Amino acid sequence: MNTTYAEDVMTVLNSRSSIRHYDKDVKISKEELSELLTFATKAPSAWNLQHWHFTVFHSDEAKQKLLPIAYNQSQIVESSAVVAILGDLEANENTDQVYDPLVLAGHLKSEIKENLAGQISRAYTDKGFARDAAFTNASLAAMQLMIIAKAKGYDTCAIGGFNKDQFMQEFSISERYVPIMLISIGKAVKPAHQSNRLDLEQVSTWL
């Protein structure tokens, strides 16, 4: 791996932190935000079913509407945008969209596609599996969004504290989706508070 490339990646990962206070005057354009979200969709997912959906709060009016649902946390309205990460409980419905173009292009044999479709269909008879998959895979996209945002000069904060039921009702979210987290995006007005990480020895077991 190119040394500069590796150093750049490590710099982004080391400099990312959770920011709760943003410069309210900084705006992020729809084009910039779309670019960040497009990079987020490059995240890996089981069977490449892409178990995520983004509800984007870009306007001041939308963020004000979200504010009480997120327990009046200031970063909701101070940030340039807030992205709600939703997990797809019916990602199996994406099977044909994902695999048919590959079959048509000759990159995948139709019998292999049918085998994969069978695996997916059987797995999704288990509602517990569907929910776990929605959380796991959408969270990968969420992390990717925070990393690319930092690489592009923006700060973020993952927010789990919001009323999920009110969120679903207020914004008419389909029951196909489960709300996982909110991510605020903007420019920090002050650094994150000091935090530390547990030693590797505490969080790893080597066999």
N, C-alpha and C. Protein backbone atom coordinates (compact mmCIF):
# COMPACT_ATOMS: atom_id res chain seq x y z
N MET A 1 0.85 -1.20 0.00
CA MET A 1 0.00 0.00 0.00
C MET A 1 0.88 1.24 0.00
N ASN A 2 0.49 2.21 -0.78
CA ASN A 2 1.22 3.48 -0.82
C ASN A 2 1.26 4.11 0.57
N THR A 3 2.46 4.52 1.01
CA THR A 3 2.62 5.03 2.37
C THR A 3 1.77 6.27 2.61
N THR A 4 1.75 7.18 1.64
CA THR A 4 0.98 8.41 1.80
C THR A 4 -0.50 8.10 1.93
N TYR A 5 -0.99 7.17 1.12
CA TYR A 5 -2.39 6.77 1.17
C TYR A 5 -2.73 6.22 2.56
N ALA A 6 -1.89 5.32 3.06
CA ALA A 6 -2.13 4.73 4.38
C ALA A 6 -2.10 5.80 5.46
N GLU A 7 -1.16 6.72 5.37
CA GLU A 7 -1.06 7.80 6.36
C GLU A 7 -2.30 8.68 6.32
N ASP A 8 -2.81 8.96 5.11
CA ASP A 8 -4.01 9.78 4.97
C ASP A 8 -5.20 9.10 5.64
N VAL A 9 -5.36 7.81 5.40
CA VAL A 9 -6.47 7.06 5.99
C VAL A 9 -6.36 7.08 7.52
N MET A 10 -5.16 6.83 8.02
CA MET A 10 -4.97 6.80 9.46
C MET A 10 -5.20 8.18 10.08
N THR A 11 -4.82 9.22 9.38
CA THR A 11 -5.06 10.58 9.88
C THR A 11 -6.54 10.85 10.03
N VAL A 12 -7.32 10.45 9.03
CA VAL A 12 -8.77 10.64 9.10
C VAL A 12 -9.35 9.87 10.27
N LEU A 13 -8.96 8.61 10.42
CA LEU A 13 -9.51 7.79 11.49
C LEU A 13 -9.12 8.32 12.87
N ASN A 14 -7.89 8.79 13.00
CA ASN A 14 -7.42 9.30 14.28
C ASN A 14 -8.02 10.66 14.63
N SER A 15 -8.39 11.43 13.61
CA SER A 15 -8.89 12.79 13.88
C SER A 15 -10.41 12.85 14.03
N ARG A 16 -11.10 11.78 13.63
CA ARG A 16 -12.56 11.78 13.77
C ARG A 16 -12.95 11.69 15.24
N SER A 17 -13.85 12.53 15.66
CA SER A 17 -14.39 12.49 17.02
C SER A 17 -15.82 12.99 16.97
N SER A 18 -16.55 12.77 18.05
CA SER A 18 -17.95 13.17 18.10
C SER A 18 -18.06 14.64 18.47
N ILE A 19 -18.61 15.43 17.56
CA ILE A 19 -18.72 16.87 17.76
C ILE A 19 -20.17 17.24 18.05
N ARG A 20 -20.37 17.98 19.13
CA ARG A 20 -21.73 18.34 19.54
C ARG A 20 -22.05 19.82 19.39
N HIS A 21 -21.04 20.62 19.04
CA HIS A 21 -21.28 22.05 18.86
C HIS A 21 -20.73 22.48 17.50
N TYR A 22 -21.63 23.03 16.67
CA TYR A 22 -21.29 23.35 15.29
C TYR A 22 -21.46 24.84 15.00
N ASP A 23 -20.78 25.25 13.94
CA ASP A 23 -20.92 26.62 13.44
C ASP A 23 -22.23 26.70 12.66
N LYS A 24 -23.19 27.40 13.22
CA LYS A 24 -24.53 27.47 12.61
C LYS A 24 -24.52 28.19 11.27
N ASP A 25 -23.48 28.97 11.00
CA ASP A 25 -23.43 29.71 9.75
C ASP A 25 -22.88 28.90 8.58
N VAL A 26 -22.35 27.73 8.87
CA VAL A 26 -21.79 26.88 7.81
C VAL A 26 -22.90 26.07 7.16
N LYS A 27 -23.01 26.20 5.85
CA LYS A 27 -24.00 25.45 5.09
C LYS A 27 -23.31 24.36 4.27
N ILE A 28 -23.99 23.26 4.10
CA ILE A 28 -23.51 22.21 3.22
C ILE A 28 -24.52 22.08 2.08
N SER A 29 -24.03 22.10 0.87
CA SER A 29 -24.94 22.07 -0.28
C SER A 29 -25.53 20.68 -0.47
N LYS A 30 -26.63 20.63 -1.19
CA LYS A 30 -27.24 19.34 -1.50
C LYS A 30 -26.27 18.48 -2.31
N GLU A 31 -25.49 19.12 -3.18
CA GLU A 31 -24.52 18.38 -3.99
C GLU A 31 -23.43 17.75 -3.12
N GLU A 32 -22.91 18.53 -2.15
CA GLU A 32 -21.89 17.99 -1.24
C GLU A 32 -22.45 16.84 -0.41
N LEU A 33 -23.65 17.05 0.10
CA LEU A 33 -24.28 16.04 0.94
C LEU A 33 -24.57 14.77 0.13
N SER A 34 -25.00 14.95 -1.10
CA SER A 34 -25.25 13.80 -1.97
C SER A 34 -23.97 13.02 -2.23
N GLU A 35 -22.86 13.75 -2.38
CA GLU A 35 -21.58 13.08 -2.60
C GLU A 35 -21.20 12.24 -1.38
N LEU A 36 -21.38 12.80 -0.18
CA LEU A 36 -21.06 12.06 1.04
C LEU A 36 -21.92 10.80 1.14
N LEU A 37 -23.20 10.94 0.85
CA LEU A 37 -24.11 9.80 0.95
C LEU A 37 -23.79 8.74 -0.10
N THR A 38 -23.35 9.19 -1.27
CA THR A 38 -22.97 8.23 -2.30
C THR A 38 -21.78 7.40 -1.84
N PHE A 39 -20.82 8.03 -1.20
CA PHE A 39 -19.69 7.28 -0.64
C PHE A 39 -20.18 6.33 0.45
N ALA A 40 -21.15 6.76 1.24
CA ALA A 40 -21.69 5.89 2.30
C ALA A 40 -22.29 4.62 1.72
N THR A 41 -22.88 4.73 0.52
CA THR A 41 -23.50 3.55 -0.10
C THR A 41 -22.46 2.57 -0.63
N LYS A 42 -21.19 2.92 -0.57
CA LYS A 42 -20.14 1.98 -0.97
C LYS A 42 -19.81 1.00 0.15
N ALA A 43 -20.46 1.14 1.29
CA ALA A 43 -20.21 0.25 2.42
C ALA A 43 -20.56 -1.19 2.05
N PRO A 44 -19.91 -2.15 2.68
CA PRO A 44 -20.26 -3.56 2.44
C PRO A 44 -21.60 -3.90 3.08
N SER A 45 -22.24 -4.93 2.56
CA SER A 45 -23.49 -5.41 3.15
C SER A 45 -23.68 -6.88 2.80
N ALA A 46 -24.40 -7.58 3.64
CA ALA A 46 -24.64 -9.00 3.41
C ALA A 46 -25.37 -9.21 2.09
N TRP A 47 -24.83 -10.10 1.27
CA TRP A 47 -25.36 -10.37 -0.07
C TRP A 47 -25.45 -9.11 -0.94
N ASN A 48 -24.78 -8.05 -0.53
CA ASN A 48 -24.84 -6.76 -1.23
C ASN A 48 -26.28 -6.23 -1.33
N LEU A 49 -27.09 -6.51 -0.35
CA LEU A 49 -28.49 -6.08 -0.39
C LEU A 49 -28.67 -4.62 0.01
N GLN A 50 -27.63 -4.01 0.59
CA GLN A 50 -27.62 -2.57 0.85
C GLN A 50 -28.80 -2.15 1.73
N HIS A 51 -28.72 -2.62 2.97
CA HIS A 51 -29.82 -2.54 3.93
C HIS A 51 -29.97 -1.15 4.55
N TRP A 52 -29.88 -0.10 3.80
CA TRP A 52 -29.95 1.24 4.39
C TRP A 52 -30.87 2.15 3.61
N HIS A 53 -31.35 3.14 4.32
CA HIS A 53 -32.10 4.23 3.71
C HIS A 53 -31.75 5.48 4.51
N PHE A 54 -31.63 6.61 3.83
CA PHE A 54 -31.26 7.86 4.48
C PHE A 54 -32.42 8.85 4.44
N THR A 55 -32.81 9.35 5.59
CA THR A 55 -33.74 10.47 5.64
C THR A 55 -32.92 11.70 5.99
N VAL A 56 -32.89 12.67 5.09
CA VAL A 56 -31.97 13.80 5.20
C VAL A 56 -32.71 15.05 5.67
N PHE A 57 -32.25 15.61 6.76
CA PHE A 57 -32.80 16.85 7.30
C PHE A 57 -31.83 17.97 6.93
N HIS A 58 -32.15 18.66 5.86
CA HIS A 58 -31.22 19.63 5.29
C HIS A 58 -31.65 21.07 5.58
N SER A 59 -32.94 21.33 5.52
CA SER A 59 -33.43 22.69 5.74
C SER A 59 -33.54 22.99 7.23
N ASP A 60 -33.51 24.27 7.56
CA ASP A 60 -33.68 24.69 8.95
C ASP A 60 -35.04 24.24 9.48
N GLU A 61 -36.06 24.30 8.60
CA GLU A 61 -37.41 23.91 9.02
C GLU A 61 -37.46 22.43 9.39
N ALA A 62 -36.81 21.60 8.59
CA ALA A 62 -36.80 20.16 8.85
C ALA A 62 -36.08 19.85 10.15
N LYS A 63 -34.96 20.53 10.39
CA LYS A 63 -34.20 20.29 11.62
C LYS A 63 -34.98 20.75 12.86
N GLN A 64 -35.70 21.85 12.72
CA GLN A 64 -36.53 22.32 13.84
C GLN A 64 -37.63 21.32 14.17
N LYS A 65 -38.16 20.69 13.14
CA LYS A 65 -39.20 19.68 13.33
C LYS A 65 -38.64 18.44 14.04
N LEU A 66 -37.38 18.14 13.73
CA LEU A 66 -36.72 16.98 14.34
C LEU A 66 -36.30 17.25 15.78
N LEU A 67 -36.03 18.52 16.10
CA LEU A 67 -35.44 18.89 17.39
C LEU A 67 -36.14 18.28 18.61
N PRO A 68 -37.45 18.46 18.80
CA PRO A 68 -38.07 17.89 20.00
C PRO A 68 -38.05 16.36 20.01
N ILE A 69 -38.06 15.75 18.85
CA ILE A 69 -38.02 14.28 18.76
C ILE A 69 -36.65 13.77 19.20
N ALA A 70 -35.62 14.62 19.01
CA ALA A 70 -34.26 14.28 19.45
C ALA A 70 -33.95 14.91 20.80
N TYR A 71 -34.99 15.11 21.60
CA TYR A 71 -34.85 15.59 22.98
C TYR A 71 -34.11 16.92 23.06
N ASN A 72 -34.34 17.76 22.06
CA ASN A 72 -33.82 19.14 22.04
C ASN A 72 -32.30 19.22 22.15
N GLN A 73 -31.62 18.27 21.59
CA GLN A 73 -30.16 18.32 21.55
C GLN A 73 -29.72 19.40 20.56
N SER A 74 -28.85 20.28 21.01
CA SER A 74 -28.52 21.48 20.23
C SER A 74 -27.90 21.17 18.87
N GLN A 75 -27.16 20.06 18.77
CA GLN A 75 -26.49 19.78 17.50
C GLN A 75 -27.47 19.54 16.36
N ILE A 76 -28.70 19.23 16.69
CA ILE A 76 -29.71 19.00 15.64
C ILE A 76 -29.90 20.27 14.81
N VAL A 77 -29.98 21.41 15.46
CA VAL A 77 -30.23 22.66 14.74
C VAL A 77 -28.96 23.45 14.47
N GLU A 78 -27.88 23.19 15.20
CA GLU A 78 -26.63 23.89 14.96
C GLU A 78 -25.86 23.32 13.76
N SER A 79 -26.04 22.04 13.52
CA SER A 79 -25.30 21.38 12.44
C SER A 79 -25.83 21.81 11.07
N SER A 80 -25.04 21.53 10.06
CA SER A 80 -25.43 21.88 8.69
C SER A 80 -26.51 20.96 8.15
N ALA A 81 -26.52 19.72 8.61
CA ALA A 81 -27.52 18.74 8.19
C ALA A 81 -27.53 17.60 9.19
N VAL A 82 -28.62 16.88 9.21
CA VAL A 82 -28.74 15.67 10.01
C VAL A 82 -29.24 14.56 9.09
N VAL A 83 -28.57 13.43 9.16
CA VAL A 83 -28.99 12.28 8.35
C VAL A 83 -29.47 11.19 9.29
N ALA A 84 -30.70 10.76 9.11
CA ALA A 84 -31.22 9.61 9.85
C ALA A 84 -30.86 8.35 9.09
N ILE A 85 -30.21 7.43 9.77
CA ILE A 85 -29.84 6.15 9.18
C ILE A 85 -30.95 5.15 9.51
N LEU A 86 -31.59 4.63 8.49
CA LEU A 86 -32.65 3.64 8.67
C LEU A 86 -32.16 2.29 8.16
N GLY A 87 -32.57 1.23 8.85
CA GLY A 87 -32.24 -0.12 8.41
C GLY A 87 -33.43 -0.73 7.67
N ASP A 88 -33.13 -1.44 6.62
CA ASP A 88 -34.17 -2.03 5.77
C ASP A 88 -34.51 -3.43 6.26
N LEU A 89 -35.72 -3.60 6.78
CA LEU A 89 -36.17 -4.90 7.27
C LEU A 89 -36.56 -5.84 6.14
N GLU A 90 -36.71 -5.29 4.95
CA GLU A 90 -37.10 -6.09 3.79
C GLU A 90 -36.07 -5.95 2.67
N ALA A 91 -34.81 -5.98 3.07
CA ALA A 91 -33.73 -5.83 2.08
C ALA A 91 -33.74 -6.97 1.07
N ASN A 92 -34.36 -8.08 1.42
CA ASN A 92 -34.50 -9.18 0.47
C ASN A 92 -35.25 -8.77 -0.80
N GLU A 93 -36.07 -7.72 -0.68
CA GLU A 93 -36.78 -7.21 -1.85
C GLU A 93 -35.84 -6.57 -2.87
N ASN A 94 -34.60 -6.33 -2.48
CA ASN A 94 -33.62 -5.73 -3.39
C ASN A 94 -32.90 -6.77 -4.25
N THR A 95 -33.19 -8.04 -4.03
CA THR A 95 -32.42 -9.11 -4.67
C THR A 95 -32.34 -8.96 -6.19
N ASP A 96 -33.47 -8.81 -6.84
CA ASP A 96 -33.46 -8.73 -8.31
C ASP A 96 -32.74 -7.48 -8.79
N GLN A 97 -32.96 -6.36 -8.11
CA GLN A 97 -32.29 -5.11 -8.50
C GLN A 97 -30.78 -5.23 -8.41
N VAL A 98 -30.32 -5.98 -7.41
CA VAL A 98 -28.88 -6.13 -7.20
C VAL A 98 -28.26 -7.10 -8.20
N TYR A 99 -28.94 -8.21 -8.43
CA TYR A 99 -28.31 -9.29 -9.20
C TYR A 99 -28.68 -9.36 -10.68
N ASP A 100 -29.87 -8.91 -11.06
CA ASP A 100 -30.27 -9.02 -12.46
C ASP A 100 -29.33 -8.27 -13.41
N PRO A 101 -28.87 -7.05 -13.08
CA PRO A 101 -27.93 -6.38 -13.98
C PRO A 101 -26.64 -7.16 -14.17
N LEU A 102 -26.20 -7.86 -13.11
CA LEU A 102 -24.97 -8.66 -13.22
C LEU A 102 -25.19 -9.85 -14.14
N VAL A 103 -26.36 -10.45 -14.06
CA VAL A 103 -26.69 -11.57 -14.95
C VAL A 103 -26.76 -11.09 -16.40
N LEU A 104 -27.45 -9.97 -16.62
CA LEU A 104 -27.60 -9.43 -17.98
C LEU A 104 -26.26 -9.04 -18.59
N ALA A 105 -25.33 -8.58 -17.75
CA ALA A 105 -24.01 -8.16 -18.24
C ALA A 105 -23.06 -9.34 -18.40
N GLY A 106 -23.51 -10.52 -18.00
CA GLY A 106 -22.66 -11.70 -18.13
C GLY A 106 -21.65 -11.88 -17.01
N HIS A 107 -21.80 -11.11 -15.91
CA HIS A 107 -20.86 -11.22 -14.80
C HIS A 107 -21.27 -12.30 -13.80
N LEU A 108 -22.49 -12.78 -13.92
CA LEU A 108 -23.01 -13.75 -12.97
C LEU A 108 -23.93 -14.72 -13.71
N LYS A 109 -23.75 -16.00 -13.48
CA LYS A 109 -24.60 -17.00 -14.12
C LYS A 109 -25.98 -16.98 -13.45
N SER A 110 -27.02 -17.18 -14.26
CA SER A 110 -28.38 -17.09 -13.74
C SER A 110 -28.64 -18.13 -12.66
N GLU A 111 -28.02 -19.32 -12.78
CA GLU A 111 -28.24 -20.34 -11.77
C GLU A 111 -27.61 -19.96 -10.43
N ILE A 112 -26.48 -19.23 -10.49
CA ILE A 112 -25.87 -18.75 -9.25
C ILE A 112 -26.76 -17.70 -8.61
N LYS A 113 -27.31 -16.81 -9.44
CA LYS A 113 -28.23 -15.80 -8.93
C LYS A 113 -29.43 -16.46 -8.25
N GLU A 114 -29.98 -17.48 -8.87
CA GLU A 114 -31.14 -18.15 -8.29
C GLU A 114 -30.78 -18.85 -6.98
N ASN A 115 -29.57 -19.38 -6.90
CA ASN A 115 -29.11 -20.00 -5.66
C ASN A 115 -29.00 -18.97 -4.55
N LEU A 116 -28.42 -17.80 -4.89
CA LEU A 116 -28.31 -16.72 -3.90
C LEU A 116 -29.69 -16.22 -3.48
N ALA A 117 -30.59 -16.09 -4.45
CA ALA A 117 -31.95 -15.63 -4.14
C ALA A 117 -32.64 -16.59 -3.19
N GLY A 118 -32.39 -17.89 -3.37
CA GLY A 118 -32.97 -18.88 -2.46
C GLY A 118 -32.42 -18.75 -1.06
N GLN A 119 -31.11 -18.53 -0.95
CA GLN A 119 -30.50 -18.33 0.37
C GLN A 119 -31.13 -17.12 1.07
N ILE A 120 -31.25 -16.05 0.32
CA ILE A 120 -31.79 -14.81 0.88
C ILE A 120 -33.24 -15.00 1.32
N SER A 121 -34.02 -15.62 0.47
CA SER A 121 -35.43 -15.83 0.78
C SER A 121 -35.60 -16.67 2.04
N ARG A 122 -34.81 -17.71 2.17
CA ARG A 122 -34.91 -18.55 3.37
C ARG A 122 -34.48 -17.79 4.62
N ALA A 123 -33.42 -17.01 4.50
CA ALA A 123 -32.93 -16.25 5.66
C ALA A 123 -33.99 -15.26 6.15
N TYR A 124 -34.71 -14.65 5.21
CA TYR A 124 -35.66 -13.60 5.57
C TYR A 124 -37.00 -14.12 6.04
N THR A 125 -37.15 -15.43 6.19
CA THR A 125 -38.33 -15.95 6.87
C THR A 125 -38.19 -15.75 8.38
N ASP A 126 -36.99 -15.44 8.84
CA ASP A 126 -36.70 -15.21 10.25
C ASP A 126 -36.68 -13.70 10.50
N LYS A 127 -37.71 -13.19 11.16
CA LYS A 127 -37.81 -11.74 11.41
C LYS A 127 -36.68 -11.23 12.29
N GLY A 128 -36.20 -12.10 13.18
CA GLY A 128 -35.07 -11.70 14.02
C GLY A 128 -33.83 -11.49 13.18
N PHE A 129 -33.60 -12.37 12.21
CA PHE A 129 -32.47 -12.20 11.32
C PHE A 129 -32.60 -10.92 10.53
N ALA A 130 -33.80 -10.64 10.03
CA ALA A 130 -34.02 -9.44 9.22
C ALA A 130 -33.70 -8.18 10.02
N ARG A 131 -34.10 -8.16 11.29
CA ARG A 131 -33.83 -6.99 12.12
C ARG A 131 -32.34 -6.86 12.42
N ASP A 132 -31.71 -7.97 12.77
CA ASP A 132 -30.27 -7.94 13.04
C ASP A 132 -29.50 -7.46 11.81
N ALA A 133 -29.88 -7.97 10.64
CA ALA A 133 -29.20 -7.59 9.40
C ALA A 133 -29.40 -6.11 9.10
N ALA A 134 -30.60 -5.60 9.38
CA ALA A 134 -30.87 -4.18 9.14
C ALA A 134 -29.95 -3.31 9.99
N PHE A 135 -29.82 -3.66 11.28
CA PHE A 135 -28.96 -2.87 12.17
C PHE A 135 -27.49 -3.00 11.80
N THR A 136 -27.05 -4.22 11.58
CA THR A 136 -25.63 -4.44 11.31
C THR A 136 -25.18 -3.74 10.04
N ASN A 137 -25.90 -3.95 8.97
CA ASN A 137 -25.45 -3.44 7.67
C ASN A 137 -25.67 -1.94 7.50
N ALA A 138 -26.77 -1.42 8.02
CA ALA A 138 -26.97 0.03 7.96
C ALA A 138 -25.94 0.76 8.81
N SER A 139 -25.50 0.13 9.90
CA SER A 139 -24.48 0.76 10.74
C SER A 139 -23.14 0.85 10.02
N LEU A 140 -22.87 -0.09 9.11
CA LEU A 140 -21.65 0.02 8.31
C LEU A 140 -21.71 1.26 7.42
N ALA A 141 -22.87 1.52 6.84
CA ALA A 141 -23.02 2.73 6.01
C ALA A 141 -22.89 3.98 6.86
N ALA A 142 -23.42 3.93 8.08
CA ALA A 142 -23.32 5.08 8.98
C ALA A 142 -21.87 5.42 9.29
N MET A 143 -21.07 4.40 9.60
CA MET A 143 -19.66 4.63 9.90
C MET A 143 -18.94 5.17 8.68
N GLN A 144 -19.27 4.62 7.52
CA GLN A 144 -18.63 5.09 6.29
C GLN A 144 -18.97 6.56 6.02
N LEU A 145 -20.21 6.95 6.33
CA LEU A 145 -20.60 8.35 6.16
C LEU A 145 -19.77 9.25 7.06
N MET A 146 -19.56 8.84 8.30
CA MET A 146 -18.78 9.67 9.22
C MET A 146 -17.32 9.77 8.80
N ILE A 147 -16.80 8.70 8.25
CA ILE A 147 -15.40 8.73 7.81
C ILE A 147 -15.22 9.62 6.59
N ILE A 148 -16.10 9.49 5.60
CA ILE A 148 -15.93 10.33 4.40
C ILE A 148 -16.23 11.78 4.72
N ALA A 149 -17.14 12.04 5.65
CA ALA A 149 -17.41 13.41 6.05
C ALA A 149 -16.15 14.04 6.63
N LYS A 150 -15.45 13.29 7.49
CA LYS A 150 -14.22 13.81 8.08
C LYS A 150 -13.16 14.02 7.02
N ALA A 151 -13.06 13.11 6.07
CA ALA A 151 -12.08 13.25 4.99
C ALA A 151 -12.35 14.49 4.15
N LYS A 152 -13.62 14.88 4.07
CA LYS A 152 -14.01 16.06 3.29
C LYS A 152 -14.02 17.34 4.13
N GLY A 153 -13.58 17.23 5.39
CA GLY A 153 -13.45 18.43 6.22
C GLY A 153 -14.64 18.73 7.11
N TYR A 154 -15.58 17.80 7.22
CA TYR A 154 -16.74 18.01 8.09
C TYR A 154 -16.62 17.15 9.34
N ASP A 155 -17.34 17.58 10.36
CA ASP A 155 -17.38 16.84 11.62
C ASP A 155 -18.76 16.21 11.78
N THR A 156 -18.83 15.17 12.61
CA THR A 156 -20.08 14.45 12.78
C THR A 156 -20.28 14.02 14.22
N CYS A 157 -21.50 13.59 14.49
CA CYS A 157 -21.80 12.96 15.77
C CYS A 157 -22.92 11.95 15.53
N ALA A 158 -22.71 10.73 15.97
CA ALA A 158 -23.75 9.71 15.90
C ALA A 158 -24.64 9.85 17.13
N ILE A 159 -25.94 9.95 16.90
CA ILE A 159 -26.90 10.23 17.97
C ILE A 159 -27.89 9.07 18.06
N GLY A 160 -27.88 8.40 19.20
CA GLY A 160 -28.84 7.32 19.41
C GLY A 160 -30.03 7.76 20.24
N GLY A 161 -29.91 8.93 20.87
CA GLY A 161 -30.96 9.42 21.76
C GLY A 161 -32.02 10.20 21.02
N PHE A 162 -33.05 9.53 20.57
CA PHE A 162 -34.22 10.19 19.99
C PHE A 162 -35.40 9.23 20.11
N ASN A 163 -36.59 9.79 20.04
CA ASN A 163 -37.79 8.99 20.21
C ASN A 163 -38.12 8.30 18.89
N LYS A 164 -37.86 7.00 18.83
CA LYS A 164 -38.00 6.26 17.57
C LYS A 164 -39.45 6.21 17.10
N ASP A 165 -40.38 6.03 18.04
CA ASP A 165 -41.79 5.94 17.65
C ASP A 165 -42.29 7.27 17.10
N GLN A 166 -41.93 8.38 17.78
CA GLN A 166 -42.34 9.69 17.29
C GLN A 166 -41.71 9.98 15.93
N PHE A 167 -40.46 9.58 15.78
CA PHE A 167 -39.76 9.78 14.50
C PHE A 167 -40.52 9.10 13.37
N MET A 168 -40.88 7.85 13.58
CA MET A 168 -41.60 7.09 12.56
C MET A 168 -42.92 7.76 12.20
N GLN A 169 -43.63 8.21 13.22
CA GLN A 169 -44.95 8.82 13.01
C GLN A 169 -44.85 10.20 12.36
N GLU A 170 -43.98 11.04 12.90
CA GLU A 170 -43.89 12.43 12.44
C GLU A 170 -43.46 12.53 10.99
N PHE A 171 -42.55 11.63 10.58
CA PHE A 171 -42.01 11.74 9.22
C PHE A 171 -42.53 10.64 8.29
N SER A 172 -43.63 10.00 8.71
CA SER A 172 -44.32 9.01 7.88
C SER A 172 -43.36 7.97 7.31
N ILE A 173 -42.55 7.39 8.20
CA ILE A 173 -41.58 6.38 7.78
C ILE A 173 -42.28 5.04 7.61
N SER A 174 -42.04 4.39 6.50
CA SER A 174 -42.61 3.08 6.23
C SER A 174 -42.16 2.06 7.27
N GLU A 175 -43.04 1.13 7.60
CA GLU A 175 -42.69 0.07 8.55
C GLU A 175 -41.65 -0.88 7.98
N ARG A 176 -41.33 -0.71 6.71
CA ARG A 176 -40.23 -1.49 6.12
C ARG A 176 -38.91 -1.14 6.80
N TYR A 177 -38.82 0.07 7.37
CA TYR A 177 -37.56 0.56 7.90
C TYR A 177 -37.59 0.68 9.42
N VAL A 178 -36.41 0.55 10.02
CA VAL A 178 -36.24 0.76 11.45
C VAL A 178 -35.21 1.86 11.67
N PRO A 179 -35.54 2.88 12.46
CA PRO A 179 -34.57 3.96 12.71
C PRO A 179 -33.44 3.47 13.60
N ILE A 180 -32.22 3.75 13.19
CA ILE A 180 -31.04 3.25 13.91
C ILE A 180 -30.29 4.37 14.62
N MET A 181 -29.98 5.43 13.90
CA MET A 181 -29.28 6.55 14.52
C MET A 181 -29.45 7.80 13.67
N LEU A 182 -29.17 8.93 14.28
CA LEU A 182 -29.06 10.21 13.57
C LEU A 182 -27.59 10.57 13.51
N ILE A 183 -27.18 11.19 12.42
CA ILE A 183 -25.80 11.67 12.31
C ILE A 183 -25.84 13.15 11.96
N SER A 184 -25.34 13.97 12.87
CA SER A 184 -25.22 15.41 12.58
C SER A 184 -23.92 15.65 11.81
N ILE A 185 -23.98 16.59 10.88
CA ILE A 185 -22.82 16.90 10.03
C ILE A 185 -22.65 18.41 9.97
N GLY A 186 -21.42 18.87 10.16
CA GLY A 186 -21.14 20.30 10.08
C GLY A 186 -19.69 20.59 10.41
N LYS A 187 -19.44 21.85 10.78
CA LYS A 187 -18.08 22.27 11.16
C LYS A 187 -18.05 22.62 12.64
N ALA A 188 -17.11 22.04 13.34
CA ALA A 188 -17.02 22.24 14.79
C ALA A 188 -16.68 23.68 15.13
N VAL A 189 -17.30 24.19 16.20
CA VAL A 189 -16.90 25.51 16.73
C VAL A 189 -15.95 25.34 17.90
N LYS A 190 -15.90 24.15 18.47
CA LYS A 190 -14.91 23.85 19.50
C LYS A 190 -14.64 22.35 19.46
N PRO A 191 -13.47 21.96 19.90
CA PRO A 191 -13.12 20.53 19.81
C PRO A 191 -13.99 19.66 20.70
N ALA A 192 -13.99 18.39 20.38
CA ALA A 192 -14.72 17.43 21.20
C ALA A 192 -14.10 17.36 22.59
N HIS A 193 -14.92 16.99 23.58
CA HIS A 193 -14.36 16.83 24.92
C HIS A 193 -13.41 15.63 24.93
N GLN A 194 -12.47 15.66 25.84
CA GLN A 194 -11.46 14.62 25.91
C GLN A 194 -12.09 13.26 26.19
N SER A 195 -11.62 12.26 25.48
CA SER A 195 -12.10 10.89 25.73
C SER A 195 -10.91 9.95 25.60
N ASN A 196 -11.11 8.71 26.04
CA ASN A 196 -10.03 7.75 25.91
C ASN A 196 -10.59 6.43 25.41
N ARG A 197 -9.74 5.55 24.97
CA ARG A 197 -10.15 4.24 24.49
C ARG A 197 -9.58 3.17 25.41
N LEU A 198 -10.34 2.10 25.59
CA LEU A 198 -9.85 0.98 26.36
C LEU A 198 -8.64 0.37 25.67
N ASP A 199 -7.72 -0.17 26.47
CA ASP A 199 -6.55 -0.82 25.90
C ASP A 199 -6.98 -2.01 25.04
N LEU A 200 -6.21 -2.24 24.00
CA LEU A 200 -6.50 -3.35 23.10
C LEU A 200 -6.63 -4.66 23.86
N GLU A 201 -5.81 -4.84 24.89
CA GLU A 201 -5.84 -6.08 25.66
C GLU A 201 -7.20 -6.31 26.31
N GLN A 202 -7.91 -5.23 26.61
CA GLN A 202 -9.22 -5.34 27.26
C GLN A 202 -10.32 -5.69 26.28
N VAL A 203 -10.13 -5.41 25.01
CA VAL A 203 -11.20 -5.58 24.04
C VAL A 203 -10.87 -6.62 22.98
N SER A 204 -9.86 -7.43 23.23
CA SER A 204 -9.51 -8.46 22.25
C SER A 204 -9.12 -9.75 22.95
N THR A 205 -9.45 -10.83 22.29
CA THR A 205 -9.02 -12.17 22.73
C THR A 205 -8.31 -12.83 21.56
N TRP A 206 -7.09 -13.27 21.80
CA TRP A 206 -6.29 -13.88 20.72
C TRP A 206 -6.25 -15.40 20.93
N LEU A 207 -6.58 -16.13 19.90
CA LEU A 207 -6.64 -17.59 19.99
C LEU A 207 -5.57 -18.23 19.11
